[in-house]
Structures are given as C-alpha cells and as structure tokens.
Amino acid sequence: MSKKQGIMVISLDFEMMWGVHDTKNNDYHSNIIAVHKIVPKLLELFDKYRISCTWATVGALFANNKQDLLSLMPQKKPNYDNPKLSSYMYMDKIEEESKLHFAPNLIEQIKKTPNQEIGSHTFSHYYCCESGQTISDFEADIEAYNEINKRECLHMESLVFPRNQYTDEYLKIIAKHGFSCFRGLEQNWINRVKNKKIRRYLLFIDSYLGISGDSTYHINEIRAAGGGGIIDIKSSLFYRPYTDNKLLERLKIIQAKRKMKIAARKGKIVHIWCHPHNFGSNFEKSISQFDKLLEFYSEMNLKYGLKSLNMGELARMVTE
C-alpha cells in the first residue's frame, strides 16, 4: 500500500458499565444492555464494507461471571482519593451473570470477524491521572490484563487509555508490557485549553461545526511517544451519540464526511472513535446513520483509494 494513500482508522472503546459506573445511573442500563445487539450489528456492517476496527476492550468484560472476575483481578488496586472512581468499590452490587459487566460471547464474535483487532482499555477502566493511584497500581492492572491475554491466546498491540488520561510514565509501562501503539488526543488548539469545562464545551461544538480544523494528519507525522517507542495513533473525531435534533445530526455527519474526504483526497489519516453503548440511544436510527457513513467510506475507497486499517495495522505500517 502506498504511504500516500488515505487511511481511515476506527477504534471503539468497548467498556459497557465499567466505563460509566461513576457517571451514569440505572436509567442508562438500557443503553448498556443494548450493546449485546449493537456489537453483532456493527460487526455485520464492518464485514459488509470490509472495515478494520480496533475494539479497545476493558479486561473485566472477558470474565464469564462474577466468580471468574474475582479470580482475574489484580491483587494491587488503585486507591483513588475519590473512591467512586474505582470499579472495585461496587463489586458487591454486581450480579453473578450480569449482562452489564460481562461479554465473553461478544468478544468471541469480534475474534471471528475479519479485520477486527482486540485491544486493551485496561483491566478495570483505569484512570491514570486521578489522585491517589500510583504507577505501580497501573502496572498491576496491565499485568492482570496480560494474564487474560495468555488465557485467551491473544497478543495485543493497541491500547486506549480510559478518558484519554496518560503521561509519559504510563506510556513506558505499556511499552514495557508489549504494546506497540495507543490512541492519542487530537492535535488541535482545543485540547490545549486548561479549563476542563470550557474544553469540554468547545469539543462539543467542534463535533458539529469543526472549529478546530480537520485533525487529519499524514503518516509521516506519526511519532513514537513517551520514551518507550510506543506509537501515537492520534484521534481525529469523536462520533457522538445520536440525538433527535435533526440539525445537530446533519452537522455531525457533515463534519465526519468532510474529514474522511480530506483524508481520502490528500492521502492523510482520519481516526474516528466512539463507544458501542453510544448506539444504544435510538438504536435503529443510530445504526442506519452509521451504515450510511460507512457507505460514504466505500465511495471514498472507490474514488480515491481510501483504505481502512485498525490501530495495530497502522502501527505496523509505520514501523516497516
């Protein structure tokens, strides 16, 4: 493949309740349960359009049940100053066969679908930049995940840090444990805004109006980060959940297609990401909309040669 060819990367943060236990209440359970029908549908679409995708999977999802989960957990756990952040703090509330927390059958379906990569989203949906946790706590989390890799006969190349929290210290740890790449933040002026609330507000606007630019990049701009040789596959676009606001939805798709077309025409990379549970709101409309977006990818593939790669495939291409 020519290094001047445009590339589309899709990564999904596959986390279910582990990723939202501290921010969502019981009203959100329906979105999480819907993941059991969302994942097969997404896999069907990826197979239809020959899409490569990285599924950044929380390690706890591999457990068959609560008893299995308890046997997989690391002995050393993060001691966040805010205990609500810890997924271990509500273990007593998890049902033995919870569909909110376990998904081994879905993971098997991902494994069996062509062009799909299973990556890591840490074992416990670990927050690297929260006060109270330590680098050794994080390494224990990664070591627990590696035990799952051995059990599942997996060799993971890609990692996505929960809520994009990381520093160079943490990058060195994942490089030490065999990962070759991670998903970094978009390179734009919004992510340099220090105030979190203002930054979140600007990112929301950016999804619909593209105020930060296109966030696409050339393959020769990809760099190793953190001193451990780990490849930074930066994101370009967070694909937001479907809403009933027709104007916002129209603007969202315009921005996504604009970035895809720029990547296709200029031989650049566009990296789109979201969560499977984001499709739980208005499931049918969400899937139909995403189907049309992938159909647009197919048009860009035919017209300009836009290529679909997952994170691991792109990292290998960079290091060739």
Protein backbone atom coordinates (compact mmCIF):
# COMPACT_ATOMS: atom_id res chain seq x y z
CA MET A 1 0.00 0.00 0.00
CA SER A 2 1.32 3.45 -0.91
CA LYS A 3 2.16 5.68 2.04
CA LYS A 4 0.40 8.48 0.15
CA GLN A 5 -2.89 6.58 0.28
CA GLY A 6 -5.56 7.94 2.60
CA ILE A 7 -6.37 5.84 5.66
CA MET A 8 -9.44 5.64 7.88
CA VAL A 9 -8.99 4.20 11.37
CA ILE A 10 -11.93 3.29 13.60
CA SER A 11 -11.47 2.47 17.29
CA LEU A 12 -14.25 1.60 19.71
CA ASP A 13 -13.98 1.84 23.49
CA PHE A 14 -15.68 -1.42 24.47
CA GLU A 15 -16.34 -0.94 28.18
CA MET A 16 -20.05 -1.37 28.99
CA MET A 17 -20.86 -0.48 32.62
CA TRP A 18 -17.19 -0.41 33.65
CA GLY A 19 -16.75 2.87 31.78
CA VAL A 20 -19.77 4.73 33.14
CA HIS A 21 -20.41 3.32 36.62
CA ASP A 22 -19.29 6.60 38.19
CA THR A 23 -21.18 8.92 35.84
CA LYS A 24 -24.44 7.15 34.90
CA ASN A 25 -27.36 5.86 36.97
CA ASN A 26 -29.77 2.96 36.47
CA ASP A 27 -31.55 4.86 33.69
CA TYR A 28 -28.54 4.17 31.47
CA HIS A 29 -28.70 0.39 31.93
CA SER A 30 -30.86 0.03 28.82
CA ASN A 31 -28.04 1.53 26.71
CA ILE A 32 -25.57 -0.96 28.16
CA ILE A 33 -27.84 -3.98 27.71
CA ALA A 34 -28.38 -2.86 24.11
CA VAL A 35 -24.65 -3.44 23.49
CA HIS A 36 -25.48 -7.16 23.20
CA LYS A 37 -27.34 -6.39 19.97
CA ILE A 38 -25.21 -3.39 18.94
CA VAL A 39 -21.91 -5.30 18.69
CA PRO A 40 -23.25 -8.01 16.31
CA LYS A 41 -24.83 -5.30 14.15
CA LEU A 42 -21.60 -3.29 14.00
CA LEU A 43 -19.66 -6.43 13.11
CA GLU A 44 -22.18 -7.09 10.33
CA LEU A 45 -21.61 -3.59 8.94
CA PHE A 46 -17.83 -3.89 9.23
CA ASP A 47 -17.93 -7.16 7.34
CA LYS A 48 -20.25 -5.66 4.71
CA TYR A 49 -17.95 -2.70 3.99
CA ARG A 50 -14.67 -4.51 4.77
CA ILE A 51 -13.86 -2.21 7.68
CA SER A 52 -10.93 -2.82 10.01
CA CYS A 53 -11.60 -1.78 13.60
CA THR A 54 -9.81 -1.77 16.94
CA TRP A 55 -12.02 -2.84 19.86
CA ALA A 56 -10.33 -1.38 22.95
CA THR A 57 -11.81 -3.79 25.48
CA VAL A 58 -11.95 -3.50 29.27
CA GLY A 59 -10.34 -6.67 30.63
CA ALA A 60 -13.15 -7.36 33.07
CA LEU A 61 -15.50 -7.98 30.10
CA PHE A 62 -13.66 -11.25 29.37
CA ALA A 63 -14.92 -12.76 32.66
CA ASN A 64 -17.64 -15.38 32.32
CA ASN A 65 -19.27 -14.35 35.61
CA LYS A 66 -18.56 -12.63 38.91
CA GLN A 67 -16.67 -15.58 40.34
CA ASP A 68 -14.42 -15.68 37.29
CA LEU A 69 -13.88 -11.92 37.54
CA LEU A 70 -12.73 -12.18 41.16
CA SER A 71 -10.12 -14.75 40.11
CA LEU A 72 -8.79 -12.43 37.39
CA MET A 73 -8.49 -9.20 39.38
CA PRO A 74 -5.07 -7.83 40.33
CA GLN A 75 -4.14 -8.03 44.00
CA LYS A 76 -2.91 -4.42 43.93
CA LYS A 77 -5.74 -1.99 43.21
CA PRO A 78 -5.82 1.80 42.74
CA ASN A 79 -6.65 3.80 45.84
CA TYR A 80 -8.22 6.87 44.23
CA ASP A 81 -8.83 9.83 46.55
CA ASN A 82 -12.35 9.80 45.11
CA PRO A 83 -13.48 6.20 45.81
CA LYS A 84 -16.40 6.49 43.37
CA LEU A 85 -13.90 6.30 40.52
CA SER A 86 -12.88 2.75 41.43
CA SER A 87 -14.74 -0.03 39.63
CA TYR A 88 -13.73 -2.32 42.51
CA MET A 89 -15.79 -0.32 45.01
CA TYR A 90 -19.12 -1.62 43.80
CA MET A 91 -18.28 -5.28 43.27
CA ASP A 92 -20.90 -6.36 45.81
CA LYS A 93 -23.60 -4.84 43.57
CA ILE A 94 -22.67 -6.90 40.51
CA GLU A 95 -24.91 -9.88 39.75
CA GLU A 96 -23.24 -13.25 39.12
CA GLU A 97 -24.21 -13.37 35.42
CA SER A 98 -24.50 -9.63 34.78
CA LYS A 99 -25.01 -8.60 31.15
CA LEU A 100 -23.97 -5.11 32.19
CA HIS A 101 -20.45 -6.23 33.08
CA PHE A 102 -19.53 -9.41 31.19
CA ALA A 103 -19.39 -10.05 27.45
CA PRO A 104 -17.27 -13.12 26.58
CA ASN A 105 -19.71 -14.14 23.84
CA LEU A 106 -19.43 -10.74 22.16
CA ILE A 107 -15.65 -10.90 22.34
CA GLU A 108 -15.76 -14.29 20.61
CA GLN A 109 -17.84 -12.76 17.81
CA ILE A 110 -15.27 -9.97 17.40
CA LYS A 111 -12.47 -12.54 17.21
CA LYS A 112 -14.26 -14.43 14.44
CA THR A 113 -14.98 -11.36 12.28
CA PRO A 114 -12.35 -10.47 9.65
CA ASN A 115 -10.17 -7.37 10.10
CA GLN A 116 -11.11 -6.83 13.75
CA GLU A 117 -8.43 -6.16 16.37
CA ILE A 118 -8.99 -6.65 20.09
CA GLY A 119 -7.01 -4.06 22.01
CA SER A 120 -6.84 -3.05 25.64
CA HIS A 121 -8.85 -0.43 27.51
CA THR A 122 -7.02 -1.53 30.71
CA PHE A 123 -8.36 -4.22 33.04
CA SER A 124 -10.54 -2.04 35.26
CA HIS A 125 -11.08 1.11 33.14
CA TYR A 126 -8.11 2.60 34.95
CA TYR A 127 -7.71 6.39 35.37
CA CYS A 128 -4.03 7.28 35.11
CA CYS A 129 -4.25 10.95 36.09
CA GLU A 130 -6.52 10.74 39.13
CA SER A 131 -5.02 11.47 42.53
CA GLY A 132 -4.42 8.55 44.87
CA GLN A 133 -3.41 5.92 42.29
CA THR A 134 0.23 5.11 41.56
CA ILE A 135 2.28 3.91 38.61
CA SER A 136 2.72 0.53 40.32
CA ASP A 137 -1.08 0.23 40.66
CA PHE A 138 -1.33 0.79 36.92
CA GLU A 139 1.32 -1.81 36.16
CA ALA A 140 -0.57 -4.34 38.29
CA ASP A 141 -3.67 -3.58 36.19
CA ILE A 142 -1.75 -4.19 32.95
CA GLU A 143 -0.21 -7.39 34.32
CA ALA A 144 -3.69 -8.68 35.18
CA TYR A 145 -4.74 -7.94 31.60
CA ASN A 146 -1.73 -9.83 30.27
CA GLU A 147 -2.86 -12.89 32.20
CA ILE A 148 -6.15 -12.66 30.28
CA ASN A 149 -4.16 -12.40 27.05
CA LYS A 150 -2.44 -15.68 27.88
CA ARG A 151 -5.74 -17.37 28.72
CA GLU A 152 -7.40 -16.10 25.54
CA CYS A 153 -4.32 -16.70 23.33
CA LEU A 154 -4.25 -13.03 22.34
CA HIS A 155 -1.34 -10.76 21.50
CA MET A 156 -2.48 -7.17 21.91
CA GLU A 157 -0.75 -4.34 20.11
CA SER A 158 -3.07 -1.39 20.81
CA LEU A 159 -4.22 0.34 23.98
CA VAL A 160 -6.68 3.15 24.59
CA PHE A 161 -6.38 4.97 27.90
CA PRO A 162 -9.74 5.49 29.64
CA ARG A 163 -10.84 9.12 29.34
CA ASN A 164 -7.56 9.76 27.49
CA GLN A 165 -5.64 10.03 30.75
CA TYR A 166 -1.92 9.28 30.41
CA THR A 167 1.57 10.67 30.91
CA ASP A 168 4.96 9.54 29.65
CA GLU A 169 5.38 7.31 32.73
CA TYR A 170 2.32 5.28 31.77
CA LEU A 171 3.38 5.08 28.12
CA LYS A 172 6.65 3.49 29.21
CA ILE A 173 4.72 0.86 31.21
CA ILE A 174 2.56 -0.23 28.28
CA ALA A 175 5.62 -0.32 26.00
CA LYS A 176 7.36 -2.50 28.60
CA HIS A 177 4.45 -4.93 28.52
CA GLY A 178 4.44 -5.39 24.77
CA PHE A 179 2.01 -2.82 23.37
CA SER A 180 3.11 -1.06 20.20
CA CYS A 181 0.61 1.82 19.95
CA PHE A 182 -2.01 3.90 21.76
CA ARG A 183 -4.67 6.40 20.77
CA GLY A 184 -3.51 9.92 21.48
CA LEU A 185 -5.51 13.15 21.58
CA GLU A 186 -6.32 15.22 18.52
CA GLN A 187 -3.66 17.79 17.77
CA ASN A 188 -5.71 20.95 17.94
CA TRP A 189 -5.88 24.12 19.98
CA ILE A 190 -8.95 22.97 21.95
CA ASN A 191 -7.06 20.18 23.72
CA ARG A 192 -4.57 22.78 24.94
CA VAL A 193 -7.29 24.69 26.81
CA LYS A 194 -6.59 24.13 30.52
CA ASN A 195 -10.08 24.70 31.92
CA LYS A 196 -11.84 21.29 31.70
CA LYS A 197 -15.38 22.66 31.49
CA ILE A 198 -14.51 25.13 28.75
CA ARG A 199 -12.53 22.46 26.88
CA ARG A 200 -15.45 20.00 27.06
CA TYR A 201 -17.84 22.68 25.78
CA LEU A 202 -15.55 23.57 22.88
CA LEU A 203 -15.11 19.90 21.94
CA PHE A 204 -18.89 19.53 21.84
CA ILE A 205 -19.18 22.49 19.47
CA ASP A 206 -16.26 21.19 17.41
CA SER A 207 -18.08 17.90 16.73
CA TYR A 208 -20.77 19.82 14.85
CA LEU A 209 -19.01 22.91 13.49
CA GLY A 210 -15.39 21.82 13.08
CA ILE A 211 -13.99 24.93 14.77
CA SER A 212 -10.59 23.31 15.44
CA GLY A 213 -9.77 22.29 11.88
CA ASP A 214 -9.86 18.81 10.38
CA SER A 215 -7.44 16.96 12.77
CA THR A 216 -6.30 14.66 9.96
CA TYR A 217 -2.59 14.00 9.56
CA HIS A 218 -0.02 12.42 7.27
CA ILE A 219 1.53 9.08 8.10
CA ASN A 220 4.98 10.69 8.32
CA GLU A 221 3.67 12.85 11.17
CA ILE A 222 3.10 9.79 13.38
CA ARG A 223 5.71 9.64 16.11
CA ALA A 224 6.78 7.39 18.94
CA ALA A 225 5.89 8.93 22.31
CA GLY A 226 6.86 8.69 25.94
CA GLY A 227 10.41 7.43 25.51
CA GLY A 228 9.35 3.80 25.21
CA GLY A 229 8.96 3.68 21.44
CA ILE A 230 5.16 3.49 21.67
CA ILE A 231 3.39 4.75 18.50
CA ASP A 232 0.82 7.55 18.93
CA ILE A 233 -2.18 6.95 16.64
CA LYS A 234 -3.95 10.24 17.29
CA SER A 235 -7.72 10.56 17.08
CA SER A 236 -9.43 12.91 14.63
CA LEU A 237 -13.11 12.76 15.57
CA PHE A 238 -15.36 11.56 18.38
CA TYR A 239 -18.52 10.27 16.72
CA ARG A 240 -21.21 11.49 19.12
CA PRO A 241 -24.36 9.59 20.12
CA TYR A 242 -27.50 10.08 18.04
CA THR A 243 -29.93 12.78 19.15
CA ASP A 244 -33.38 13.78 17.93
CA ASN A 245 -32.04 17.18 16.89
CA LYS A 246 -32.03 16.96 13.09
CA LEU A 247 -29.76 19.99 12.69
CA LEU A 248 -27.10 18.61 15.04
CA GLU A 249 -27.22 15.20 13.35
CA ARG A 250 -26.86 16.77 9.92
CA LEU A 251 -23.89 18.85 11.10
CA LYS A 252 -22.27 15.81 12.78
CA ILE A 253 -22.37 13.79 9.56
CA ILE A 254 -21.14 16.75 7.51
CA GLN A 255 -18.08 17.02 9.78
CA ALA A 256 -17.38 13.28 9.69
CA LYS A 257 -17.66 13.12 5.89
CA ARG A 258 -15.57 16.28 5.49
CA LYS A 259 -12.69 14.75 7.45
CA MET A 260 -12.99 11.43 5.61
CA LYS A 261 -12.91 13.21 2.26
CA ILE A 262 -9.88 15.30 3.24
CA ALA A 263 -8.04 12.14 4.27
CA ALA A 264 -9.04 10.40 1.03
CA ARG A 265 -8.09 13.26 -1.32
CA LYS A 266 -4.88 14.34 0.43
CA GLY A 267 -3.54 10.93 1.42
CA LYS A 268 -3.96 11.59 5.14
CA ILE A 269 -5.24 9.68 8.17
CA VAL A 270 -8.65 10.18 9.79
CA HIS A 271 -9.21 8.36 13.10
CA ILE A 272 -12.84 8.08 14.24
CA TRP A 273 -13.79 6.72 17.65
CA CYS A 274 -16.78 6.19 19.92
CA HIS A 275 -18.29 3.62 22.32
CA PRO A 276 -20.64 0.78 21.31
CA HIS A 277 -23.10 1.91 24.00
CA ASN A 278 -23.34 5.28 22.22
CA PHE A 279 -25.52 3.46 19.67
CA GLY A 280 -27.99 2.47 22.41
CA SER A 281 -29.97 5.70 22.06
CA ASN A 282 -32.37 5.37 19.13
CA PHE A 283 -30.73 2.09 18.10
CA GLU A 284 -32.32 1.74 14.68
CA LYS A 285 -31.65 5.34 13.65
CA SER A 286 -28.11 5.24 15.07
CA ILE A 287 -27.22 2.10 13.12
CA SER A 288 -28.87 3.36 9.93
CA GLN A 289 -26.92 6.61 10.16
CA PHE A 290 -23.64 4.76 10.75
CA ASP A 291 -24.41 2.44 7.83
CA LYS A 292 -24.68 5.47 5.56
CA LEU A 293 -21.39 6.85 6.90
CA LEU A 294 -19.63 3.57 6.09
CA GLU A 295 -21.28 3.64 2.66
CA PHE A 296 -19.60 7.04 2.19
CA TYR A 297 -16.30 5.41 3.15
CA SER A 298 -16.94 2.87 0.38
CA GLU A 299 -17.43 5.74 -2.09
CA MET A 300 -14.16 7.34 -0.94
CA ASN A 301 -12.44 3.97 -1.29
CA LEU A 302 -13.60 3.59 -4.89
CA LYS A 303 -12.95 7.20 -5.91
CA TYR A 304 -9.71 7.99 -4.07
CA GLY A 305 -8.47 4.65 -2.67
CA LEU A 306 -9.21 5.47 1.00
CA LYS A 307 -8.08 2.42 2.98
CA SER A 308 -9.46 1.05 6.26
CA LEU A 309 -6.89 -0.03 8.86
CA ASN A 310 -7.12 -0.76 12.56
CA MET A 311 -4.64 0.75 15.01
CA GLY A 312 -2.35 -2.27 15.09
CA GLU A 313 -2.21 -2.48 11.30
CA LEU A 314 -1.32 1.20 11.03
CA ALA A 315 1.36 0.92 13.74
CA ARG A 316 2.98 -1.97 11.84
CA MET A 317 2.88 0.05 8.65
CA VAL A 318 4.61 2.99 10.36
CA THR A 319 7.44 0.80 11.66
CA GLU A 320 8.04 -1.09 8.39
